[in-house]
Amino acid sequence: MHLRVMTYNVRHCRTFWGTVRTEQFAEVIREYNVDIVGMQE
């Protein structure tokens, strides 16, 4: 059995320029096709 785990520092769901982009973060998570995501900030 394989389990893919990802940790992601989302910086309050803000981009480098300070705009809120939750859909951008969701797309990154989808691209990695992980089983478990740990999000922190």
PDB file of N, CA and C in Angstrom:
ATOM      1  N   MET A   1       0.848  -1.184   0.000  1.00  0.00           N
ATOM      2  CA  MET A   1       0.000   0.000   0.000  1.00  0.00           C
ATOM      3  C   MET A   1       0.891   1.244   0.000  1.00  0.00           C
ATOM      4  N   HIS A   2       0.543   2.203  -0.835  1.00  0.00           N
ATOM      5  CA  HIS A   2       1.253   3.474  -0.899  1.00  0.00           C
ATOM      6  C   HIS A   2       0.342   4.585  -0.399  1.00  0.00           C
ATOM      7  N   LEU A   3       0.907   5.482   0.351  1.00  0.00           N
ATOM      8  CA  LEU A   3       0.159   6.611   0.894  1.00  0.00           C
ATOM      9  C   LEU A   3       0.951   7.880   0.609  1.00  0.00           C
ATOM     10  N   ARG A   4       0.335   8.809  -0.099  1.00  0.00           N
ATOM     11  CA  ARG A   4       1.009  10.073  -0.429  1.00  0.00           C
ATOM     12  C   ARG A   4       0.558  11.151   0.548  1.00  0.00           C
ATOM     13  N   VAL A   5       1.536  11.761   1.219  1.00  0.00           N
ATOM     14  CA  VAL A   5       1.269  12.773   2.235  1.00  0.00           C
ATOM     15  C   VAL A   5       1.951  14.069   1.822  1.00  0.00           C
ATOM     16  N   MET A   6       1.267  15.179   2.043  1.00  0.00           N
ATOM     17  CA  MET A   6       1.798  16.495   1.676  1.00  0.00           C
ATOM     18  C   MET A   6       1.583  17.458   2.830  1.00  0.00           C
ATOM     19  N   THR A   7       2.577  18.296   3.122  1.00  0.00           N
ATOM     20  CA  THR A   7       2.374  19.407   4.046  1.00  0.00           C
ATOM     21  C   THR A   7       2.452  20.684   3.229  1.00  0.00           C
ATOM     22  N   TYR A   8       1.636  21.659   3.583  1.00  0.00           N
ATOM     23  CA  TYR A   8       1.539  22.877   2.780  1.00  0.00           C
ATOM     24  C   TYR A   8       1.382  24.063   3.718  1.00  0.00           C
ATOM     25  N   ASN A   9       2.322  25.000   3.646  1.00  0.00           N
ATOM     26  CA  ASN A   9       2.234  26.236   4.410  1.00  0.00           C
ATOM     27  C   ASN A   9       1.490  27.248   3.543  1.00  0.00           C
ATOM     28  N   VAL A  10       0.250  27.528   3.880  1.00  0.00           N
ATOM     29  CA  VAL A  10      -0.616  28.324   3.009  1.00  0.00           C
ATOM     30  C   VAL A  10      -0.580  29.828   3.253  1.00  0.00           C
ATOM     31  N   ARG A  11       0.152  30.292   4.256  1.00  0.00           N
ATOM     32  CA  ARG A  11       0.285  31.733   4.504  1.00  0.00           C
ATOM     33  C   ARG A  11      -1.064  32.445   4.503  1.00  0.00           C
ATOM     34  N   HIS A  12      -2.016  31.965   5.250  1.00  0.00           N
ATOM     35  CA  HIS A  12      -3.357  32.561   5.330  1.00  0.00           C
ATOM     36  C   HIS A  12      -4.055  32.594   3.969  1.00  0.00           C
ATOM     37  N   CYS A  13      -3.733  31.657   3.103  1.00  0.00           N
ATOM     38  CA  CYS A  13      -4.304  31.563   1.740  1.00  0.00           C
ATOM     39  C   CYS A  13      -4.040  32.817   0.923  1.00  0.00           C
ATOM     40  N   ARG A  14      -2.909  33.442   1.148  1.00  0.00           N
ATOM     41  CA  ARG A  14      -2.539  34.640   0.389  1.00  0.00           C
ATOM     42  C   ARG A  14      -1.314  34.350  -0.475  1.00  0.00           C
ATOM     43  N   THR A  15      -1.295  34.958  -1.647  1.00  0.00           N
ATOM     44  CA  THR A  15      -0.150  34.829  -2.537  1.00  0.00           C
ATOM     45  C   THR A  15       0.976  35.728  -2.038  1.00  0.00           C
ATOM     46  N   PHE A  16       2.079  35.699  -2.724  1.00  0.00           N
ATOM     47  CA  PHE A  16       3.223  36.553  -2.391  1.00  0.00           C
ATOM     48  C   PHE A  16       2.827  38.022  -2.363  1.00  0.00           C
ATOM     49  N   TRP A  17       1.864  38.417  -3.202  1.00  0.00           N
ATOM     50  CA  TRP A  17       1.439  39.817  -3.307  1.00  0.00           C
ATOM     51  C   TRP A  17       0.314  40.170  -2.346  1.00  0.00           C
ATOM     52  N   GLY A  18      -0.159  39.204  -1.556  1.00  0.00           N
ATOM     53  CA  GLY A  18      -1.159  39.479  -0.533  1.00  0.00           C
ATOM     54  C   GLY A  18      -2.600  39.230  -0.930  1.00  0.00           C
ATOM     55  N   THR A  19      -2.849  38.782  -2.148  1.00  0.00           N
ATOM     56  CA  THR A  19      -4.220  38.504  -2.566  1.00  0.00           C
ATOM     57  C   THR A  19      -4.640  37.106  -2.104  1.00  0.00           C
ATOM     58  N   VAL A  20      -5.922  36.948  -1.798  1.00  0.00           N
ATOM     59  CA  VAL A  20      -6.454  35.652  -1.359  1.00  0.00           C
ATOM     60  C   VAL A  20      -6.763  34.816  -2.592  1.00  0.00           C
ATOM     61  N   ARG A  21      -6.178  33.616  -2.667  1.00  0.00           N
ATOM     62  CA  ARG A  21      -6.352  32.760  -3.833  1.00  0.00           C
ATOM     63  C   ARG A  21      -6.556  31.309  -3.421  1.00  0.00           C
ATOM     64  N   THR A  22      -7.663  31.013  -2.759  1.00  0.00           N
ATOM     65  CA  THR A  22      -7.890  29.637  -2.300  1.00  0.00           C
ATOM     66  C   THR A  22      -7.943  28.647  -3.462  1.00  0.00           C
ATOM     67  N   GLU A  23      -8.472  29.059  -4.616  1.00  0.00           N
ATOM     68  CA  GLU A  23      -8.552  28.142  -5.751  1.00  0.00           C
ATOM     69  C   GLU A  23      -7.156  27.781  -6.256  1.00  0.00           C
ATOM     70  N   GLN A  24      -6.215  28.686  -6.144  1.00  0.00           N
ATOM     71  CA  GLN A  24      -4.841  28.407  -6.558  1.00  0.00           C
ATOM     72  C   GLN A  24      -4.219  27.331  -5.660  1.00  0.00           C
ATOM     73  N   PHE A  25      -4.441  27.432  -4.363  1.00  0.00           N
ATOM     74  CA  PHE A  25      -3.912  26.433  -3.446  1.00  0.00           C
ATOM     75  C   PHE A  25      -4.578  25.079  -3.677  1.00  0.00           C
ATOM     76  N   ALA A  26      -5.870  25.077  -3.931  1.00  0.00           N
ATOM     77  CA  ALA A  26      -6.585  23.824  -4.197  1.00  0.00           C
ATOM     78  C   ALA A  26      -6.043  23.153  -5.455  1.00  0.00           C
ATOM     79  N   GLU A  27      -5.725  23.930  -6.471  1.00  0.00           N
ATOM     80  CA  GLU A  27      -5.192  23.378  -7.713  1.00  0.00           C
ATOM     81  C   GLU A  27      -3.827  22.722  -7.483  1.00  0.00           C
ATOM     82  N   VAL A  28      -2.988  23.347  -6.690  1.00  0.00           N
ATOM     83  CA  VAL A  28      -1.677  22.762  -6.382  1.00  0.00           C
ATOM     84  C   VAL A  28      -1.857  21.411  -5.696  1.00  0.00           C
ATOM     85  N   ILE A  29      -2.772  21.345  -4.742  1.00  0.00           N
ATOM     86  CA  ILE A  29      -3.017  20.088  -4.025  1.00  0.00           C
ATOM     87  C   ILE A  29      -3.531  19.020  -4.987  1.00  0.00           C
ATOM     88  N   ARG A  30      -4.443  19.385  -5.881  1.00  0.00           N
ATOM     89  CA  ARG A  30      -4.964  18.429  -6.872  1.00  0.00           C
ATOM     90  C   ARG A  30      -3.850  17.908  -7.775  1.00  0.00           C
ATOM     91  N   GLU A  31      -2.949  18.783  -8.194  1.00  0.00           N
ATOM     92  CA  GLU A  31      -1.863  18.380  -9.092  1.00  0.00           C
ATOM     93  C   GLU A  31      -0.970  17.311  -8.472  1.00  0.00           C
ATOM     94  N   TYR A  32      -0.772  17.368  -7.163  1.00  0.00           N
ATOM     95  CA  TYR A  32       0.087  16.390  -6.498  1.00  0.00           C
ATOM     96  C   TYR A  32      -0.633  15.077  -6.203  1.00  0.00           C
ATOM     97  N   ASN A  33      -1.952  15.051  -6.333  1.00  0.00           N
ATOM     98  CA  ASN A  33      -2.730  13.816  -6.187  1.00  0.00           C
ATOM     99  C   ASN A  33      -2.381  13.069  -4.894  1.00  0.00           C
ATOM    100  N   VAL A  34      -2.510  13.760  -3.770  1.00  0.00           N
ATOM    101  CA  VAL A  34      -2.132  13.189  -2.475  1.00  0.00           C
ATOM    102  C   VAL A  34      -3.338  12.586  -1.768  1.00  0.00           C
ATOM    103  N   ASP A  35      -3.051  11.730  -0.793  1.00  0.00           N
ATOM    104  CA  ASP A  35      -4.093  11.109   0.013  1.00  0.00           C
ATOM    105  C   ASP A  35      -4.399  11.922   1.265  1.00  0.00           C
ATOM    106  N   ILE A  36      -3.356  12.516   1.852  1.00  0.00           N
ATOM    107  CA  ILE A  36      -3.507  13.303   3.077  1.00  0.00           C
ATOM    108  C   ILE A  36      -2.755  14.618   2.913  1.00  0.00           C
ATOM    109  N   VAL A  37      -3.402  15.726   3.288  1.00  0.00           N
ATOM    110  CA  VAL A  37      -2.761  17.045   3.247  1.00  0.00           C
ATOM    111  C   VAL A  37      -2.774  17.642   4.640  1.00  0.00           C
ATOM    112  N   GLY A  38      -1.611  18.069   5.107  1.00  0.00           N
ATOM    113  CA  GLY A  38      -1.515  18.817   6.354  1.00  0.00           C
ATOM    114  C   GLY A  38      -1.247  20.269   6.008  1.00  0.00           C
ATOM    115  N   MET A  39      -2.154  21.149   6.400  1.00  0.00           N
ATOM    116  CA  MET A  39      -1.993  22.571   6.077  1.00  0.00           C
ATOM    117  C   MET A  39      -1.689  23.341   7.350  1.00  0.00           C
ATOM    118  N   GLN A  40      -0.742  24.246   7.257  1.00  0.00           N
ATOM    119  CA  GLN A  40      -0.379  25.038   8.428  1.00  0.00           C
ATOM    120  C   GLN A  40      -0.155  26.494   8.045  1.00  0.00           C
ATOM    121  N   GLU A  41      -0.282  27.316   9.033  1.00  0.00           N
ATOM    122  CA  GLU A  41       0.115  28.718   9.015  1.00  0.00           C
ATOM    123  C   GLU A  41      -0.414  29.375  10.250  1.00  0.00           C
TER     124      GLU A  41
END
